[in-house]
Protein backbone atom coordinates (compact mmCIF):
# COMPACT_ATOMS: atom_id res chain seq x y z
CA MET A 1 -37.90 40.63 239.01
CA SER A 2 -38.41 43.67 241.11
CA LEU A 3 -41.76 45.07 242.10
CA ARG A 4 -43.09 48.06 240.08
CA PRO A 5 -43.32 51.39 241.67
CA ALA A 6 -45.96 52.08 243.97
CA ARG A 7 -47.18 55.17 242.33
CA ASN A 8 -48.47 52.72 239.49
CA TYR A 9 -50.87 51.43 241.93
CA ARG A 10 -51.67 54.31 244.39
CA ALA A 11 -54.89 55.77 242.65
CA ILE A 12 -57.91 53.97 243.74
CA GLN A 13 -59.87 51.93 241.03
CA ARG A 14 -62.97 50.23 240.94
CA PRO A 15 -62.64 47.27 243.51
CA TYR A 16 -61.70 43.70 241.98
CA THR A 17 -62.54 41.41 244.32
CA ARG A 18 -64.60 38.66 243.03
CA LEU A 19 -62.57 35.58 243.65
CA GLU A 20 -64.72 33.08 242.03
CA TYR A 21 -63.77 34.41 238.64
CA ILE A 22 -60.19 34.61 239.28
CA LYS A 23 -58.02 31.57 238.38
CA SER A 24 -54.60 32.28 240.00
CA LYS A 25 -55.55 34.55 243.38
CA PRO A 26 -52.59 36.28 244.78
CA TYR A 27 -52.32 35.53 248.66
CA SER A 28 -51.99 38.22 251.11
CA LYS A 29 -48.45 38.91 252.25
CA ILE A 30 -49.59 39.99 255.78
CA GLN A 31 -48.60 37.08 258.19
CA LYS A 32 -50.44 38.18 261.49
CA PHE A 33 -52.51 41.29 262.14
CA ASP A 34 -52.55 41.41 265.92
CA HIS A 35 -49.68 41.52 268.39
CA GLY A 36 -49.67 41.84 272.11
CA ASP A 37 -52.59 41.72 274.62
CA PRO A 38 -55.78 43.09 273.56
CA ASN A 39 -57.63 42.98 276.91
CA GLU A 40 -54.83 45.03 278.72
CA ASP A 41 -56.31 48.57 280.36
CA TYR A 42 -54.14 51.00 278.16
CA ASP A 43 -53.66 54.64 278.89
CA TYR A 44 -52.68 55.84 274.91
CA GLU A 45 -53.46 54.66 271.24
CA ILE A 46 -51.16 55.70 268.69
CA ARG A 47 -52.73 55.40 265.11
CA ILE A 48 -51.37 55.86 261.48
CA GLU A 49 -54.19 57.38 259.60
CA SER A 50 -54.54 58.11 255.91
CA THR A 51 -54.84 61.77 254.92
CA ALA A 52 -56.14 60.89 251.32
CA PRO A 53 -57.68 58.12 249.55
CA PHE A 54 -55.21 55.62 248.19
CA GLN A 55 -54.42 52.03 247.80
CA VAL A 56 -51.45 50.30 249.56
CA ARG A 57 -50.12 46.96 248.83
CA SER A 58 -50.19 44.19 251.42
CA ASN A 59 -46.24 44.20 250.72
CA ALA A 60 -46.23 47.42 252.42
CA LEU A 61 -48.50 46.68 255.12
CA GLU A 62 -46.30 43.50 255.91
CA ALA A 63 -43.02 45.84 255.93
CA ALA A 64 -44.51 48.43 258.16
CA ARG A 65 -45.90 45.58 260.59
CA MET A 66 -42.43 43.85 260.52
CA ALA A 67 -40.42 47.08 261.31
CA ALA A 68 -42.89 47.72 264.11
CA VAL A 69 -42.49 44.30 265.63
CA SER A 70 -38.61 44.60 265.52
CA GLN A 71 -38.62 48.01 267.20
CA ILE A 72 -41.20 46.60 269.74
CA ARG A 73 -38.86 44.10 270.67
CA LYS A 74 -35.74 46.68 271.40
CA ARG A 75 -37.89 49.23 272.91
CA ILE A 76 -40.81 48.62 274.82
CA ALA A 77 -40.81 46.28 277.88
CA GLY A 78 -44.25 46.54 279.32
CA PRO A 79 -47.84 45.50 277.75
CA TYR A 80 -48.68 46.71 274.43
CA PHE A 81 -51.31 46.02 271.53
CA MET A 82 -50.72 46.28 268.05
CA LYS A 83 -53.10 45.80 264.72
CA VAL A 84 -52.76 46.21 261.26
CA VAL A 85 -56.42 47.35 260.75
CA PRO A 86 -57.30 47.15 256.77
CA TYR A 87 -57.36 43.85 254.86
CA PRO A 88 -56.12 43.81 251.26
CA HIS A 89 -59.03 42.54 249.63
CA HIS A 90 -58.73 44.35 246.25
CA ILE A 91 -56.41 42.38 243.57
CA LEU A 92 -53.95 44.10 241.38
CA ARG A 93 -53.46 43.44 237.64
CA LYS A 94 -50.30 43.84 235.43
CA HIS A 95 -49.90 43.66 231.94
CA ALA A 96 -47.05 41.70 231.46
CA MET A 97 -45.72 43.59 228.27
CA ALA A 98 -45.57 46.99 229.98
CA GLY A 99 -42.72 45.99 232.40
CA VAL A 100 -40.37 44.76 230.00
CA HIS A 101 -37.80 46.40 227.87
CA LYS A 102 -39.17 48.28 224.88
CA ALA A 103 -42.53 48.67 226.59
CA GLU A 104 -43.03 52.03 224.72
CA ARG A 105 -43.64 50.48 221.64
CA LEU A 106 -46.81 48.20 222.57
CA GLN A 107 -49.58 47.65 220.22
CA LYS A 108 -52.68 49.92 220.32
CA GLY A 109 -54.76 46.91 220.34
CA MET A 110 -53.27 46.20 223.95
CA ARG A 111 -53.40 49.75 225.28
CA LEU A 112 -56.34 48.98 227.75
CA ALA A 113 -55.36 45.19 228.28
CA PHE A 114 -57.30 43.65 231.64
CA GLY A 115 -53.80 42.05 232.63
CA LYS A 116 -53.14 39.08 234.95
CA PRO A 117 -53.75 39.04 238.92
CA ASP A 118 -50.36 40.25 240.57
CA ALA A 119 -50.69 41.21 244.11
CA ARG A 120 -53.31 42.35 246.82
CA ALA A 121 -53.65 45.94 248.11
CA ALA A 122 -56.11 47.66 250.59
CA GLN A 123 -58.19 50.73 249.68
CA LEU A 124 -58.19 53.33 252.04
CA ARG A 125 -60.33 56.40 252.51
CA ALA A 126 -59.00 59.94 253.87
CA GLY A 127 -59.20 59.59 257.74
CA GLU A 128 -58.91 55.72 257.96
CA THR A 129 -56.69 53.79 260.37
CA ILE A 130 -54.15 51.69 258.85
CA MET A 131 -52.19 50.67 261.94
CA LEU A 132 -53.01 51.27 265.67
CA MET A 133 -50.83 50.47 269.08
CA ARG A 134 -52.12 50.97 272.50
CA VAL A 135 -49.67 51.26 275.53
CA LYS A 136 -49.23 52.50 279.10
CA ALA A 137 -48.48 56.22 279.79
CA GLU A 138 -44.81 55.33 280.57
CA GLU A 139 -44.05 53.61 277.02
CA LEU A 140 -45.60 56.46 275.07
CA GLU A 141 -42.32 58.10 273.73
CA GLN A 142 -41.06 54.51 272.79
CA ALA A 143 -44.21 53.79 271.24
CA ARG A 144 -44.38 56.79 269.19
CA TYR A 145 -40.97 55.95 268.03
CA VAL A 146 -42.24 52.56 266.76
CA MET A 147 -45.09 54.02 264.91
CA GLU A 148 -43.03 56.40 262.90
CA VAL A 149 -40.56 53.65 261.97
CA ALA A 150 -43.42 51.83 260.65
CA LYS A 151 -45.10 54.90 259.05
CA ILE A 152 -41.86 55.24 257.11
CA LYS A 153 -42.88 51.96 255.01
CA LEU A 154 -46.03 53.28 254.24
CA PRO A 155 -47.10 56.02 251.40
CA PRO A 156 -46.51 59.68 252.27
CA MET A 157 -50.19 60.27 252.55
CA THR A 158 -50.30 59.30 256.08
CA ARG A 159 -50.05 61.15 259.67
CA LEU A 160 -49.47 59.94 263.41
CA VAL A 161 -52.30 60.74 265.65
CA VAL A 162 -51.92 60.12 269.59
CA GLU A 163 -55.10 59.80 271.67
CA ARG A 164 -55.48 59.40 275.51
CA ILE A 165 -58.09 56.49 276.15
CA GLY A 166 -57.53 55.50 279.61
CA GLY A 167 -59.55 56.96 282.71
């Protein structure tokens, strides 16, 4: 069964994170948060930042990470450091009846049903960093392209910020 559209989960709700009350906890899809060498002396930092408050599923964060890593392998030869910053704490719930055929005929008693745990999401505020990448000056254009490819996998309320960090 396919995933529901992201617009169903994009609005920020009250955080649902108390794991001791949840019987079947969905796991985060993100496999690895850090890539590369964090201790190197880099010249530039490229960040994907949110421009509005929204939720992003762990599936989307993992897709952006995988897209970035595949482009890094093709394009960047020198040292780099990439990090997925937010951790998906919020647990999304889905009402199983609402995703099937004839869902418009739900009973009124189930209108505000609580739902079963379905997936995880990270809740982001405006200006919060989603992914960052640090590179040397000669790799800046390739790194910018890598982050633009990763940005495609995320909701449209994001922007790319390039900042000089080296002396």
